[in-house]
Amino acid sequence: MDARRESETTPVKNPTTVERKSERELVVTRTFNGPARIVFEAWTKPELLKRWWAPKSFGVSLLSCEADVRVGGTYRLVFGHAASKPMEFFGRYIEVTPHSRLVWTNEEGGDGGAVTTVTFEEEGGKTLLVMHDLYPSKEALDGAIASGSTGGMGETFEQLDELLVVLGANVGRS
């Protein structure tokens, strides 16, 4: 009985799966304990992105975040680390369907970077998120994996889980 009571107060950690689907495709999947509307906002509002996007264990922080989330709009994320110069990630939004789908380009590599598609599917107050990266070549995906840039997704999504708890507690209070 004590274990049941504890599980009612402790949020359940949902696993993050990262799977290479083909030579050029990487798919990250996770269920979040929150409605699609709130999860989507966390992906599209710069002030919220800054609170969860950079994995804390990497020792980097999101120094600036600009996102004009509309078809044709652009984004720019600048990450900083004490020992190195800032890294910039930027591109444009190709598709924006509120609360259900985002598609953007990743243009920082200069060689026609990956295209990222994120879908948000709500069921029973939870949101299944699927992030699909399509790289221009096998070598580009191999390079992303080798650089470790794909390795922090589990931690990043745990940080989003923590933010969703805060956001859920504040829904309806504004």
C-alpha atoms as a PDB file:
ATOM      1  CA  MET A   1       0.000   0.000   0.000  1.00  0.00           C
ATOM      2  CA  ASP A   2       2.871   2.437   0.756  1.00  0.00           C
ATOM      3  CA  ALA A   3       4.405   1.827  -2.687  1.00  0.00           C
ATOM      4  CA  ARG A   4       1.079   2.633  -4.343  1.00  0.00           C
ATOM      5  CA  ARG A   5       0.745   5.867  -2.380  1.00  0.00           C
ATOM      6  CA  GLU A   6       4.324   6.864  -3.287  1.00  0.00           C
ATOM      7  CA  SER A   7       3.716   6.288  -7.004  1.00  0.00           C
ATOM      8  CA  GLU A   8       0.702   8.595  -6.822  1.00  0.00           C
ATOM      9  CA  THR A   9       2.903  11.503  -5.700  1.00  0.00           C
ATOM     10  CA  THR A  10       6.107  10.768  -7.648  1.00  0.00           C
ATOM     11  CA  PRO A  11       5.926  11.577 -11.377  1.00  0.00           C
ATOM     12  CA  VAL A  12       6.511   8.535 -13.558  1.00  0.00           C
ATOM     13  CA  LYS A  13       9.638   8.920 -15.693  1.00  0.00           C
ATOM     14  CA  ASN A  14       8.869   8.048 -19.263  1.00  0.00           C
ATOM     15  CA  PRO A  15      11.661   6.484 -21.321  1.00  0.00           C
ATOM     16  CA  THR A  16      13.185   8.249 -24.311  1.00  0.00           C
ATOM     17  CA  THR A  17      13.963   6.012 -27.259  1.00  0.00           C
ATOM     18  CA  VAL A  18      16.539   7.039 -29.864  1.00  0.00           C
ATOM     19  CA  GLU A  19      16.618   4.817 -32.913  1.00  0.00           C
ATOM     20  CA  ARG A  20      18.405   4.972 -36.228  1.00  0.00           C
ATOM     21  CA  LYS A  21      15.693   4.008 -38.726  1.00  0.00           C
ATOM     22  CA  SER A  22      17.845   4.069 -41.877  1.00  0.00           C
ATOM     23  CA  GLU A  23      21.191   5.397 -43.138  1.00  0.00           C
ATOM     24  CA  ARG A  24      19.802   8.973 -43.001  1.00  0.00           C
ATOM     25  CA  GLU A  25      17.034   8.870 -40.355  1.00  0.00           C
ATOM     26  CA  LEU A  26      17.103   9.222 -36.590  1.00  0.00           C
ATOM     27  CA  VAL A  27      13.867   9.008 -34.587  1.00  0.00           C
ATOM     28  CA  VAL A  28      13.468  10.051 -30.947  1.00  0.00           C
ATOM     29  CA  THR A  29      10.231   9.119 -29.153  1.00  0.00           C
ATOM     30  CA  ARG A  30       8.888   9.995 -25.715  1.00  0.00           C
ATOM     31  CA  THR A  31       5.553  10.337 -23.959  1.00  0.00           C
ATOM     32  CA  PHE A  32       5.110  13.455 -21.833  1.00  0.00           C
ATOM     33  CA  ASN A  33       2.690  13.810 -18.933  1.00  0.00           C
ATOM     34  CA  GLY A  34       0.826  16.834 -20.236  1.00  0.00           C
ATOM     35  CA  PRO A  35      -1.549  17.957 -22.966  1.00  0.00           C
ATOM     36  CA  ALA A  36      -0.228  18.584 -26.467  1.00  0.00           C
ATOM     37  CA  ARG A  37      -1.045  22.299 -26.186  1.00  0.00           C
ATOM     38  CA  ILE A  38       1.398  22.765 -23.296  1.00  0.00           C
ATOM     39  CA  VAL A  39       4.107  20.501 -24.780  1.00  0.00           C
ATOM     40  CA  PHE A  40       3.842  22.406 -28.092  1.00  0.00           C
ATOM     41  CA  GLU A  41       4.182  25.745 -26.271  1.00  0.00           C
ATOM     42  CA  ALA A  42       7.365  24.477 -24.593  1.00  0.00           C
ATOM     43  CA  TRP A  43       8.776  23.819 -28.095  1.00  0.00           C
ATOM     44  CA  THR A  44       7.695  27.131 -29.614  1.00  0.00           C
ATOM     45  CA  LYS A  45       8.100  29.858 -26.979  1.00  0.00           C
ATOM     46  CA  PRO A  46      11.722  31.055 -26.639  1.00  0.00           C
ATOM     47  CA  GLU A  47      11.353  31.798 -22.910  1.00  0.00           C
ATOM     48  CA  LEU A  48      10.287  28.170 -22.345  1.00  0.00           C
ATOM     49  CA  LEU A  49      12.839  26.593 -24.727  1.00  0.00           C
ATOM     50  CA  LYS A  50      15.621  28.317 -22.768  1.00  0.00           C
ATOM     51  CA  ARG A  51      14.478  26.480 -19.638  1.00  0.00           C
ATOM     52  CA  TRP A  52      14.887  22.917 -20.981  1.00  0.00           C
ATOM     53  CA  TRP A  53      16.656  22.567 -24.335  1.00  0.00           C
ATOM     54  CA  ALA A  54      20.361  22.401 -23.230  1.00  0.00           C
ATOM     55  CA  PRO A  55      21.335  19.235 -21.297  1.00  0.00           C
ATOM     56  CA  LYS A  56      22.733  20.441 -17.952  1.00  0.00           C
ATOM     57  CA  SER A  57      25.362  17.682 -17.794  1.00  0.00           C
ATOM     58  CA  PHE A  58      26.975  19.002 -21.003  1.00  0.00           C
ATOM     59  CA  GLY A  59      27.947  22.194 -19.170  1.00  0.00           C
ATOM     60  CA  VAL A  60      26.429  24.406 -21.852  1.00  0.00           C
ATOM     61  CA  SER A  61      23.628  26.883 -21.548  1.00  0.00           C
ATOM     62  CA  LEU A  62      21.273  28.392 -24.074  1.00  0.00           C
ATOM     63  CA  LEU A  63      22.581  31.974 -24.217  1.00  0.00           C
ATOM     64  CA  SER A  64      19.988  33.233 -26.666  1.00  0.00           C
ATOM     65  CA  CYS A  65      16.937  31.825 -28.339  1.00  0.00           C
ATOM     66  CA  GLU A  66      14.971  33.464 -31.129  1.00  0.00           C
ATOM     67  CA  ALA A  67      12.025  31.678 -32.723  1.00  0.00           C
ATOM     68  CA  ASP A  68       9.524  33.135 -35.169  1.00  0.00           C
ATOM     69  CA  VAL A  69       7.344  30.021 -35.245  1.00  0.00           C
ATOM     70  CA  ARG A  70       5.355  30.347 -38.458  1.00  0.00           C
ATOM     71  CA  VAL A  71       5.800  28.956 -41.972  1.00  0.00           C
ATOM     72  CA  GLY A  72       8.835  30.792 -43.385  1.00  0.00           C
ATOM     73  CA  GLY A  73       9.811  32.087 -39.945  1.00  0.00           C
ATOM     74  CA  THR A  74      13.333  31.508 -38.642  1.00  0.00           C
ATOM     75  CA  TYR A  75      14.991  30.370 -35.447  1.00  0.00           C
ATOM     76  CA  ARG A  76      18.461  30.861 -33.960  1.00  0.00           C
ATOM     77  CA  LEU A  77      19.777  29.123 -30.850  1.00  0.00           C
ATOM     78  CA  VAL A  78      23.146  30.119 -29.392  1.00  0.00           C
ATOM     79  CA  PHE A  79      24.736  27.757 -26.874  1.00  0.00           C
ATOM     80  CA  GLY A  80      27.652  28.748 -24.681  1.00  0.00           C
ATOM     81  CA  HIS A  81      30.314  26.884 -22.782  1.00  0.00           C
ATOM     82  CA  ALA A  82      32.929  28.482 -20.535  1.00  0.00           C
ATOM     83  CA  ALA A  83      35.873  26.900 -22.378  1.00  0.00           C
ATOM     84  CA  SER A  84      34.832  27.410 -25.992  1.00  0.00           C
ATOM     85  CA  LYS A  85      33.281  29.867 -28.370  1.00  0.00           C
ATOM     86  CA  PRO A  86      29.465  29.863 -28.688  1.00  0.00           C
ATOM     87  CA  MET A  87      27.777  27.403 -31.052  1.00  0.00           C
ATOM     88  CA  GLU A  88      24.895  28.561 -33.220  1.00  0.00           C
ATOM     89  CA  PHE A  89      22.056  26.495 -34.618  1.00  0.00           C
ATOM     90  CA  PHE A  90      19.620  28.084 -37.043  1.00  0.00           C
ATOM     91  CA  GLY A  91      17.133  27.430 -39.798  1.00  0.00           C
ATOM     92  CA  ARG A  92      13.587  28.099 -40.884  1.00  0.00           C
ATOM     93  CA  TYR A  93      10.174  26.644 -40.213  1.00  0.00           C
ATOM     94  CA  ILE A  94       8.675  24.754 -43.155  1.00  0.00           C
ATOM     95  CA  GLU A  95       5.458  23.626 -41.468  1.00  0.00           C
ATOM     96  CA  VAL A  96       3.680  24.761 -38.301  1.00  0.00           C
ATOM     97  CA  THR A  97       0.422  23.117 -37.241  1.00  0.00           C
ATOM     98  CA  PRO A  98      -0.381  24.320 -33.705  1.00  0.00           C
ATOM     99  CA  HIS A  99      -0.333  21.639 -31.039  1.00  0.00           C
ATOM    100  CA  SER A 100       0.348  18.812 -33.509  1.00  0.00           C
ATOM    101  CA  ARG A 101       3.314  19.310 -35.895  1.00  0.00           C
ATOM    102  CA  LEU A 102       6.488  21.333 -36.445  1.00  0.00           C
ATOM    103  CA  VAL A 103       8.944  20.960 -39.334  1.00  0.00           C
ATOM    104  CA  TRP A 104      12.168  22.954 -39.597  1.00  0.00           C
ATOM    105  CA  THR A 105      15.489  23.025 -41.417  1.00  0.00           C
ATOM    106  CA  ASN A 106      18.887  22.844 -39.714  1.00  0.00           C
ATOM    107  CA  GLU A 107      21.097  25.143 -41.776  1.00  0.00           C
ATOM    108  CA  GLU A 108      24.165  25.693 -39.594  1.00  0.00           C
ATOM    109  CA  GLY A 109      26.225  23.012 -41.341  1.00  0.00           C
ATOM    110  CA  GLY A 110      26.112  24.807 -44.679  1.00  0.00           C
ATOM    111  CA  ASP A 111      25.765  21.520 -46.584  1.00  0.00           C
ATOM    112  CA  GLY A 112      21.982  21.213 -46.577  1.00  0.00           C
ATOM    113  CA  GLY A 113      21.517  19.999 -43.010  1.00  0.00           C
ATOM    114  CA  ALA A 114      18.880  17.743 -41.531  1.00  0.00           C
ATOM    115  CA  VAL A 115      15.171  18.435 -41.670  1.00  0.00           C
ATOM    116  CA  THR A 116      13.468  17.890 -38.298  1.00  0.00           C
ATOM    117  CA  THR A 117       9.810  16.926 -37.963  1.00  0.00           C
ATOM    118  CA  VAL A 118       8.210  16.846 -34.512  1.00  0.00           C
ATOM    119  CA  THR A 119       4.696  15.499 -33.998  1.00  0.00           C
ATOM    120  CA  PHE A 120       2.587  15.877 -30.856  1.00  0.00           C
ATOM    121  CA  GLU A 121      -0.196  13.306 -30.416  1.00  0.00           C
ATOM    122  CA  GLU A 122      -2.381  13.689 -27.332  1.00  0.00           C
ATOM    123  CA  GLU A 123      -4.265  10.859 -25.697  1.00  0.00           C
ATOM    124  CA  GLY A 124      -5.710  10.877 -22.206  1.00  0.00           C
ATOM    125  CA  GLY A 125      -3.913  14.070 -21.154  1.00  0.00           C
ATOM    126  CA  LYS A 126      -0.508  12.706 -22.223  1.00  0.00           C
ATOM    127  CA  THR A 127       1.403  13.599 -25.365  1.00  0.00           C
ATOM    128  CA  LEU A 128       3.341  11.172 -27.537  1.00  0.00           C
ATOM    129  CA  LEU A 129       6.159  13.173 -29.109  1.00  0.00           C
ATOM    130  CA  VAL A 130       8.041  11.820 -32.123  1.00  0.00           C
ATOM    131  CA  MET A 131      11.059  13.760 -33.387  1.00  0.00           C
ATOM    132  CA  HIS A 132      12.273  12.614 -36.810  1.00  0.00           C
ATOM    133  CA  ASP A 133      15.565  13.923 -38.223  1.00  0.00           C
ATOM    134  CA  LEU A 134      16.236  13.284 -41.908  1.00  0.00           C
ATOM    135  CA  TYR A 135      19.893  13.946 -42.722  1.00  0.00           C
ATOM    136  CA  PRO A 136      21.173  14.738 -46.229  1.00  0.00           C
ATOM    137  CA  SER A 137      23.522  11.726 -46.193  1.00  0.00           C
ATOM    138  CA  LYS A 138      24.639   8.703 -44.167  1.00  0.00           C
ATOM    139  CA  GLU A 139      27.885  10.578 -43.407  1.00  0.00           C
ATOM    140  CA  ALA A 140      25.997  13.570 -41.998  1.00  0.00           C
ATOM    141  CA  LEU A 141      24.042  11.332 -39.574  1.00  0.00           C
ATOM    142  CA  ASP A 142      27.215   9.413 -38.673  1.00  0.00           C
ATOM    143  CA  GLY A 143      28.865  12.771 -37.898  1.00  0.00           C
ATOM    144  CA  ALA A 144      25.976  13.935 -35.701  1.00  0.00           C
ATOM    145  CA  ILE A 145      26.099  10.690 -33.720  1.00  0.00           C
ATOM    146  CA  ALA A 146      29.928  10.806 -33.438  1.00  0.00           C
ATOM    147  CA  SER A 147      29.864  14.409 -32.188  1.00  0.00           C
ATOM    148  CA  GLY A 148      27.535  13.443 -29.359  1.00  0.00           C
ATOM    149  CA  SER A 149      24.894  15.960 -30.425  1.00  0.00           C
ATOM    150  CA  THR A 150      22.231  13.246 -30.372  1.00  0.00           C
ATOM    151  CA  GLY A 151      23.313  11.809 -27.008  1.00  0.00           C
ATOM    152  CA  GLY A 152      21.670  14.324 -24.718  1.00  0.00           C
ATOM    153  CA  MET A 153      18.053  13.821 -25.779  1.00  0.00           C
ATOM    154  CA  GLY A 154      17.093  11.680 -22.785  1.00  0.00           C
ATOM    155  CA  GLU A 155      18.377  14.293 -20.340  1.00  0.00           C
ATOM    156  CA  THR A 156      16.922  17.157 -22.370  1.00  0.00           C
ATOM    157  CA  PHE A 157      13.499  15.498 -22.374  1.00  0.00           C
ATOM    158  CA  GLU A 158      13.725  14.866 -18.608  1.00  0.00           C
ATOM    159  CA  GLN A 159      14.281  18.622 -18.225  1.00  0.00           C
ATOM    160  CA  LEU A 160      11.177  19.202 -20.365  1.00  0.00           C
ATOM    161  CA  ASP A 161       9.264  16.797 -18.072  1.00  0.00           C
ATOM    162  CA  GLU A 162      10.280  18.938 -15.086  1.00  0.00           C
ATOM    163  CA  LEU A 163       9.179  22.126 -16.849  1.00  0.00           C
ATOM    164  CA  LEU A 164       5.815  20.581 -17.779  1.00  0.00           C
ATOM    165  CA  VAL A 165       5.143  19.883 -14.091  1.00  0.00           C
ATOM    166  CA  VAL A 166       5.722  23.589 -13.360  1.00  0.00           C
ATOM    167  CA  LEU A 167       3.670  24.723 -16.362  1.00  0.00           C
ATOM    168  CA  GLY A 168       0.830  22.331 -15.512  1.00  0.00           C
ATOM    169  CA  ALA A 169       0.752  23.700 -11.971  1.00  0.00           C
ATOM    170  CA  ASN A 170       0.447  27.217 -13.383  1.00  0.00           C
ATOM    171  CA  VAL A 171      -2.272  26.519 -15.979  1.00  0.00           C
ATOM    172  CA  GLY A 172      -5.252  28.741 -15.361  1.00  0.00           C
ATOM    173  CA  ARG A 173      -3.420  31.015 -12.903  1.00  0.00           C
ATOM    174  CA  SER A 174      -2.452  33.754 -15.333  1.00  0.00           C
END
